[in-house]
Amino acid sequence: TVYEAEIAATVLGVELLQREVNCTRTASIALDNTAAIQASSLRSPAPGRYLTDLFHTAVRDLKASRPHLRLTLRWVPGHADIPGNEAADEAAKEAARGESSPSALLPRSLRKPLPQSATRARQNYKMELDRR
């Protein structure tokens, strides 16, 4: 789902920050999905929970190596011609089509295909029924 893709993108964003040696004070990850931003602070069971767990682990590892880093998740309006956001949306579409980075370049936690969510399974079932 888009929601899960946005959370996976936050995991990738934190992993990229981990590789950026000059980022020691402040960093920001911009998302156009408010539900994904809200989910980043939840610790209770919810759809895509395994992804929020990956996000929390990645942030914990980043903060351990850079204790003074201030990381912010911020909302940006989608489809508003913001160059970085439009590029990220295009990259997400490529990943959804299976045209993503070689798995060796991805964080270990994201190298395997993501489990299909119940929401996505329902959407696929409905699409199959509509085709008949």
N, C-alpha and C. Protein backbone atom coordinates (compact mmCIF):
# COMPACT_ATOMS: atom_id res chain seq x y z
N THR A 1 0.84 -1.19 0.00
CA THR A 1 0.00 0.00 0.00
C THR A 1 0.88 1.25 0.00
N VAL A 2 0.29 2.37 -0.31
CA VAL A 2 1.03 3.64 -0.29
C VAL A 2 1.55 3.91 1.12
N TYR A 3 0.71 3.65 2.10
CA TYR A 3 1.08 3.84 3.51
C TYR A 3 2.34 3.06 3.84
N GLU A 4 2.36 1.79 3.48
CA GLU A 4 3.53 0.96 3.77
C GLU A 4 4.76 1.41 2.99
N ALA A 5 4.55 1.85 1.76
CA ALA A 5 5.67 2.36 0.96
C ALA A 5 6.27 3.60 1.60
N GLU A 6 5.43 4.46 2.13
CA GLU A 6 5.93 5.67 2.80
C GLU A 6 6.75 5.31 4.04
N ILE A 7 6.29 4.33 4.81
CA ILE A 7 7.05 3.93 6.00
C ILE A 7 8.36 3.28 5.59
N ALA A 8 8.33 2.44 4.55
CA ALA A 8 9.57 1.84 4.05
C ALA A 8 10.52 2.94 3.58
N ALA A 9 9.99 4.00 3.00
CA ALA A 9 10.83 5.12 2.56
C ALA A 9 11.50 5.80 3.75
N THR A 10 10.81 5.88 4.88
CA THR A 10 11.44 6.49 6.06
C THR A 10 12.60 5.62 6.54
N VAL A 11 12.43 4.31 6.47
CA VAL A 11 13.52 3.39 6.84
C VAL A 11 14.72 3.64 5.93
N LEU A 12 14.46 3.74 4.63
CA LEU A 12 15.54 4.02 3.68
C LEU A 12 16.18 5.38 3.95
N GLY A 13 15.36 6.36 4.29
CA GLY A 13 15.89 7.69 4.59
C GLY A 13 16.84 7.67 5.78
N VAL A 14 16.46 6.95 6.82
CA VAL A 14 17.33 6.85 8.00
C VAL A 14 18.61 6.10 7.65
N GLU A 15 18.49 5.06 6.84
CA GLU A 15 19.69 4.33 6.41
C GLU A 15 20.62 5.22 5.60
N LEU A 16 20.08 6.06 4.75
CA LEU A 16 20.91 7.00 3.99
C LEU A 16 21.59 7.99 4.91
N LEU A 17 20.88 8.46 5.93
CA LEU A 17 21.49 9.36 6.91
C LEU A 17 22.63 8.67 7.64
N GLN A 18 22.48 7.39 7.91
CA GLN A 18 23.54 6.63 8.59
C GLN A 18 24.82 6.62 7.75
N ARG A 19 24.66 6.61 6.44
CA ARG A 19 25.83 6.57 5.54
C ARG A 19 26.42 7.95 5.30
N GLU A 20 25.68 9.00 5.60
CA GLU A 20 26.13 10.37 5.36
C GLU A 20 26.97 10.84 6.56
N VAL A 21 28.27 10.85 6.42
CA VAL A 21 29.16 11.12 7.55
C VAL A 21 29.12 12.57 8.02
N ASN A 22 28.73 13.50 7.16
CA ASN A 22 28.72 14.91 7.55
C ASN A 22 27.43 15.35 8.22
N CYS A 23 26.49 14.47 8.38
CA CYS A 23 25.20 14.80 8.99
C CYS A 23 25.27 14.46 10.48
N THR A 24 25.56 15.48 11.32
CA THR A 24 25.72 15.22 12.74
C THR A 24 24.83 16.07 13.64
N ARG A 25 24.20 17.11 13.08
CA ARG A 25 23.41 18.01 13.93
C ARG A 25 21.92 17.90 13.71
N THR A 26 21.46 18.16 12.48
CA THR A 26 20.03 18.11 12.18
C THR A 26 19.81 17.41 10.85
N ALA A 27 18.69 16.73 10.77
CA ALA A 27 18.29 16.06 9.53
C ALA A 27 16.77 16.03 9.50
N SER A 28 16.24 16.00 8.29
CA SER A 28 14.80 16.00 8.11
C SER A 28 14.44 15.02 7.01
N ILE A 29 13.39 14.24 7.24
CA ILE A 29 12.84 13.35 6.22
C ILE A 29 11.44 13.87 5.93
N ALA A 30 11.18 14.18 4.67
CA ALA A 30 9.89 14.74 4.27
C ALA A 30 9.00 13.66 3.68
N LEU A 31 7.74 13.64 4.11
CA LEU A 31 6.75 12.67 3.63
C LEU A 31 5.49 13.41 3.24
N ASP A 32 4.77 12.86 2.26
CA ASP A 32 3.49 13.46 1.90
C ASP A 32 2.33 12.60 2.38
N ASN A 33 2.57 11.78 3.39
CA ASN A 33 1.56 10.89 3.93
C ASN A 33 1.49 11.08 5.44
N THR A 34 0.45 11.78 5.91
CA THR A 34 0.36 12.08 7.34
C THR A 34 0.20 10.82 8.18
N ALA A 35 -0.47 9.82 7.65
CA ALA A 35 -0.65 8.58 8.42
C ALA A 35 0.69 7.92 8.70
N ALA A 36 1.60 7.96 7.74
CA ALA A 36 2.93 7.38 7.95
C ALA A 36 3.71 8.17 9.00
N ILE A 37 3.56 9.48 8.98
CA ILE A 37 4.24 10.30 9.99
C ILE A 37 3.68 9.98 11.37
N GLN A 38 2.37 9.90 11.50
CA GLN A 38 1.75 9.59 12.78
C GLN A 38 2.15 8.19 13.25
N ALA A 39 2.23 7.24 12.33
CA ALA A 39 2.59 5.87 12.70
C ALA A 39 4.01 5.78 13.23
N SER A 40 4.87 6.71 12.84
CA SER A 40 6.26 6.65 13.30
C SER A 40 6.37 6.81 14.81
N SER A 41 5.36 7.38 15.43
CA SER A 41 5.41 7.55 16.89
C SER A 41 4.60 6.51 17.64
N LEU A 42 3.90 5.64 16.92
CA LEU A 42 3.06 4.63 17.58
C LEU A 42 3.88 3.40 17.96
N ARG A 43 3.51 2.81 19.06
CA ARG A 43 4.14 1.57 19.48
C ARG A 43 3.11 0.45 19.67
N SER A 44 1.86 0.73 19.32
CA SER A 44 0.80 -0.26 19.47
C SER A 44 0.59 -0.99 18.15
N PRO A 45 -0.06 -2.17 18.19
CA PRO A 45 -0.30 -2.92 16.94
C PRO A 45 -1.10 -2.09 15.94
N ALA A 46 -0.66 -2.13 14.69
CA ALA A 46 -1.32 -1.39 13.62
C ALA A 46 -0.88 -1.97 12.29
N PRO A 47 -1.60 -1.65 11.21
CA PRO A 47 -1.16 -2.11 9.89
C PRO A 47 0.26 -1.62 9.60
N GLY A 48 1.07 -2.46 9.02
CA GLY A 48 2.43 -2.09 8.70
C GLY A 48 3.35 -2.01 9.90
N ARG A 49 2.94 -2.61 11.01
CA ARG A 49 3.71 -2.51 12.26
C ARG A 49 5.15 -2.98 12.10
N TYR A 50 5.36 -4.04 11.34
CA TYR A 50 6.72 -4.54 11.16
C TYR A 50 7.61 -3.45 10.54
N LEU A 51 7.03 -2.59 9.72
CA LEU A 51 7.80 -1.50 9.13
C LEU A 51 8.11 -0.41 10.13
N THR A 52 7.15 -0.08 11.00
CA THR A 52 7.45 0.92 12.03
C THR A 52 8.49 0.38 12.99
N ASP A 53 8.48 -0.91 13.25
CA ASP A 53 9.53 -1.51 14.08
C ASP A 53 10.89 -1.35 13.41
N LEU A 54 10.96 -1.57 12.10
CA LEU A 54 12.22 -1.37 11.36
C LEU A 54 12.66 0.09 11.44
N PHE A 55 11.70 1.00 11.32
CA PHE A 55 12.01 2.42 11.42
C PHE A 55 12.59 2.75 12.79
N HIS A 56 11.93 2.29 13.85
CA HIS A 56 12.41 2.58 15.21
C HIS A 56 13.81 2.01 15.44
N THR A 57 14.06 0.82 14.92
CA THR A 57 15.39 0.22 15.06
C THR A 57 16.44 1.05 14.31
N ALA A 58 16.11 1.48 13.10
CA ALA A 58 17.04 2.28 12.31
C ALA A 58 17.34 3.62 13.01
N VAL A 59 16.31 4.25 13.57
CA VAL A 59 16.51 5.52 14.28
C VAL A 59 17.35 5.29 15.53
N ARG A 60 17.06 4.24 16.25
CA ARG A 60 17.84 3.93 17.46
C ARG A 60 19.32 3.75 17.12
N ASP A 61 19.61 3.02 16.03
CA ASP A 61 20.99 2.81 15.60
C ASP A 61 21.64 4.13 15.18
N LEU A 62 20.89 4.96 14.46
CA LEU A 62 21.41 6.26 14.03
C LEU A 62 21.72 7.13 15.24
N LYS A 63 20.81 7.19 16.20
CA LYS A 63 21.01 8.02 17.39
C LYS A 63 22.15 7.49 18.26
N ALA A 64 22.38 6.19 18.24
CA ALA A 64 23.49 5.62 19.02
C ALA A 64 24.83 6.10 18.45
N SER A 65 24.90 6.20 17.13
CA SER A 65 26.15 6.63 16.50
C SER A 65 26.26 8.16 16.45
N ARG A 66 25.13 8.86 16.56
CA ARG A 66 25.12 10.34 16.52
C ARG A 66 24.15 10.87 17.57
N PRO A 67 24.56 10.83 18.82
CA PRO A 67 23.64 11.19 19.92
C PRO A 67 23.13 12.62 19.87
N HIS A 68 23.81 13.53 19.19
CA HIS A 68 23.38 14.93 19.15
C HIS A 68 22.55 15.26 17.92
N LEU A 69 22.32 14.28 17.07
CA LEU A 69 21.54 14.50 15.85
C LEU A 69 20.07 14.71 16.20
N ARG A 70 19.48 15.74 15.61
CA ARG A 70 18.04 16.01 15.78
C ARG A 70 17.36 15.62 14.47
N LEU A 71 16.60 14.55 14.50
CA LEU A 71 15.91 14.03 13.32
C LEU A 71 14.45 14.44 13.37
N THR A 72 13.96 14.99 12.26
CA THR A 72 12.58 15.43 12.17
C THR A 72 11.91 14.77 10.97
N LEU A 73 10.70 14.28 11.18
CA LEU A 73 9.85 13.86 10.07
C LEU A 73 8.90 15.03 9.82
N ARG A 74 8.78 15.44 8.58
CA ARG A 74 7.90 16.57 8.29
C ARG A 74 7.02 16.27 7.09
N TRP A 75 5.87 16.89 7.10
CA TRP A 75 4.90 16.71 6.02
C TRP A 75 5.18 17.73 4.92
N VAL A 76 5.06 17.28 3.68
CA VAL A 76 5.07 18.15 2.51
C VAL A 76 3.84 17.80 1.68
N PRO A 77 3.25 18.76 1.02
CA PRO A 77 2.07 18.45 0.21
C PRO A 77 2.47 17.59 -0.99
N GLY A 78 1.69 16.56 -1.24
CA GLY A 78 1.93 15.70 -2.39
C GLY A 78 1.46 16.35 -3.67
N HIS A 79 2.11 15.99 -4.77
CA HIS A 79 1.72 16.46 -6.10
C HIS A 79 1.64 17.98 -6.17
N ALA A 80 2.60 18.65 -5.54
CA ALA A 80 2.62 20.11 -5.54
C ALA A 80 3.88 20.63 -6.22
N ASP A 81 4.43 19.82 -7.12
CA ASP A 81 5.62 20.19 -7.88
C ASP A 81 6.82 20.53 -7.01
N ILE A 82 6.95 19.85 -5.89
CA ILE A 82 8.15 19.98 -5.05
C ILE A 82 9.16 18.99 -5.63
N PRO A 83 10.28 19.47 -6.19
CA PRO A 83 11.19 18.59 -6.94
C PRO A 83 11.61 17.32 -6.20
N GLY A 84 12.04 17.41 -4.96
CA GLY A 84 12.47 16.22 -4.23
C GLY A 84 11.33 15.24 -4.00
N ASN A 85 10.14 15.76 -3.73
CA ASN A 85 8.99 14.90 -3.48
C ASN A 85 8.55 14.21 -4.77
N GLU A 86 8.57 14.94 -5.87
CA GLU A 86 8.18 14.34 -7.15
C GLU A 86 9.17 13.24 -7.54
N ALA A 87 10.46 13.48 -7.29
CA ALA A 87 11.48 12.46 -7.59
C ALA A 87 11.29 11.24 -6.71
N ALA A 88 10.95 11.45 -5.43
CA ALA A 88 10.71 10.33 -4.52
C ALA A 88 9.48 9.54 -4.95
N ASP A 89 8.43 10.23 -5.38
CA ASP A 89 7.22 9.54 -5.85
C ASP A 89 7.54 8.68 -7.07
N GLU A 90 8.35 9.20 -7.98
CA GLU A 90 8.71 8.43 -9.17
C GLU A 90 9.55 7.21 -8.79
N ALA A 91 10.48 7.39 -7.85
CA ALA A 91 11.30 6.26 -7.39
C ALA A 91 10.43 5.20 -6.72
N ALA A 92 9.41 5.62 -5.98
CA ALA A 92 8.51 4.67 -5.33
C ALA A 92 7.72 3.87 -6.37
N LYS A 93 7.29 4.54 -7.44
CA LYS A 93 6.57 3.84 -8.51
C LYS A 93 7.47 2.82 -9.19
N GLU A 94 8.73 3.19 -9.41
CA GLU A 94 9.68 2.24 -9.99
C GLU A 94 9.88 1.03 -9.08
N ALA A 95 10.00 1.28 -7.79
CA ALA A 95 10.17 0.18 -6.84
C ALA A 95 8.94 -0.72 -6.84
N ALA A 96 7.76 -0.13 -6.93
CA ALA A 96 6.53 -0.93 -6.95
C ALA A 96 6.46 -1.81 -8.20
N ARG A 97 7.09 -1.35 -9.29
CA ARG A 97 7.13 -2.15 -10.52
C ARG A 97 8.28 -3.16 -10.50
N GLY A 98 9.02 -3.20 -9.41
CA GLY A 98 10.15 -4.13 -9.31
C GLY A 98 11.42 -3.59 -9.94
N GLU A 99 11.47 -2.29 -10.16
CA GLU A 99 12.64 -1.67 -10.79
C GLU A 99 13.48 -0.91 -9.77
N SER A 100 13.56 -1.46 -8.56
CA SER A 100 14.27 -0.75 -7.50
C SER A 100 15.77 -1.04 -7.54
N SER A 101 16.44 -0.53 -6.56
CA SER A 101 17.89 -0.73 -6.43
C SER A 101 18.21 -2.22 -6.31
N PRO A 102 19.43 -2.60 -6.72
CA PRO A 102 19.84 -3.99 -6.48
C PRO A 102 19.75 -4.29 -4.99
N SER A 103 19.31 -5.49 -4.66
CA SER A 103 19.07 -5.80 -3.25
C SER A 103 20.32 -5.65 -2.39
N ALA A 104 21.49 -5.84 -2.95
CA ALA A 104 22.72 -5.70 -2.17
C ALA A 104 22.92 -4.27 -1.66
N LEU A 105 22.30 -3.29 -2.31
CA LEU A 105 22.43 -1.90 -1.89
C LEU A 105 21.38 -1.48 -0.86
N LEU A 106 20.38 -2.32 -0.68
CA LEU A 106 19.31 -2.02 0.28
C LEU A 106 19.72 -2.45 1.69
N PRO A 107 19.11 -1.83 2.70
CA PRO A 107 19.33 -2.32 4.07
C PRO A 107 18.87 -3.78 4.15
N ARG A 108 19.54 -4.58 4.94
CA ARG A 108 19.17 -6.01 5.07
C ARG A 108 17.68 -6.20 5.34
N SER A 109 17.13 -5.34 6.17
CA SER A 109 15.72 -5.48 6.56
C SER A 109 14.75 -5.31 5.39
N LEU A 110 15.20 -4.69 4.30
CA LEU A 110 14.31 -4.45 3.17
C LEU A 110 14.72 -5.22 1.92
N ARG A 111 15.59 -6.20 2.05
CA ARG A 111 16.04 -6.95 0.87
C ARG A 111 15.04 -7.99 0.40
N LYS A 112 14.25 -8.51 1.32
CA LYS A 112 13.24 -9.49 0.93
C LYS A 112 11.96 -8.76 0.55
N PRO A 113 11.13 -9.36 -0.29
CA PRO A 113 9.84 -8.71 -0.59
C PRO A 113 9.06 -8.49 0.70
N LEU A 114 8.39 -7.36 0.79
CA LEU A 114 7.59 -7.06 1.97
C LEU A 114 6.38 -7.97 2.01
N PRO A 115 5.98 -8.40 3.20
CA PRO A 115 4.77 -9.21 3.29
C PRO A 115 3.56 -8.41 2.78
N GLN A 116 2.62 -9.11 2.19
CA GLN A 116 1.42 -8.44 1.69
C GLN A 116 0.51 -8.11 2.87
N SER A 117 0.09 -6.88 2.95
CA SER A 117 -0.80 -6.45 4.03
C SER A 117 -2.21 -6.96 3.78
N ALA A 118 -3.00 -7.00 4.83
CA ALA A 118 -4.40 -7.40 4.69
C ALA A 118 -5.14 -6.42 3.79
N THR A 119 -4.79 -5.13 3.90
CA THR A 119 -5.42 -4.12 3.05
C THR A 119 -5.12 -4.39 1.58
N ARG A 120 -3.86 -4.67 1.27
CA ARG A 120 -3.47 -4.95 -0.11
C ARG A 120 -4.15 -6.23 -0.60
N ALA A 121 -4.25 -7.24 0.24
CA ALA A 121 -4.91 -8.49 -0.15
C ALA A 121 -6.37 -8.23 -0.50
N ARG A 122 -7.06 -7.41 0.30
CA ARG A 122 -8.46 -7.06 0.01
C ARG A 122 -8.57 -6.30 -1.31
N GLN A 123 -7.63 -5.35 -1.53
CA GLN A 123 -7.65 -4.59 -2.77
C GLN A 123 -7.45 -5.50 -3.98
N ASN A 124 -6.53 -6.43 -3.88
CA ASN A 124 -6.28 -7.37 -4.98
C ASN A 124 -7.49 -8.25 -5.23
N TYR A 125 -8.13 -8.71 -4.16
CA TYR A 125 -9.31 -9.55 -4.29
C TYR A 125 -10.44 -8.78 -4.98
N LYS A 126 -10.65 -7.54 -4.55
CA LYS A 126 -11.70 -6.72 -5.16
C LYS A 126 -11.40 -6.46 -6.64
N MET A 127 -10.16 -6.17 -6.98
CA MET A 127 -9.79 -5.95 -8.39
C MET A 127 -10.05 -7.20 -9.21
N GLU A 128 -9.75 -8.37 -8.63
CA GLU A 128 -9.97 -9.64 -9.34
C GLU A 128 -11.46 -9.84 -9.58
N LEU A 129 -12.29 -9.54 -8.57
CA LEU A 129 -13.74 -9.67 -8.73
C LEU A 129 -14.28 -8.71 -9.79
N ASP A 130 -13.72 -7.49 -9.80
CA ASP A 130 -14.17 -6.48 -10.77
C ASP A 130 -13.83 -6.89 -12.20
N ARG A 131 -12.75 -7.63 -12.38
CA ARG A 131 -12.35 -8.05 -13.73
C ARG A 131 -13.27 -9.13 -14.29
N ARG A 132 -13.98 -9.83 -13.45
CA ARG A 132 -14.84 -10.95 -13.89
C ARG A 132 -16.11 -10.50 -14.47
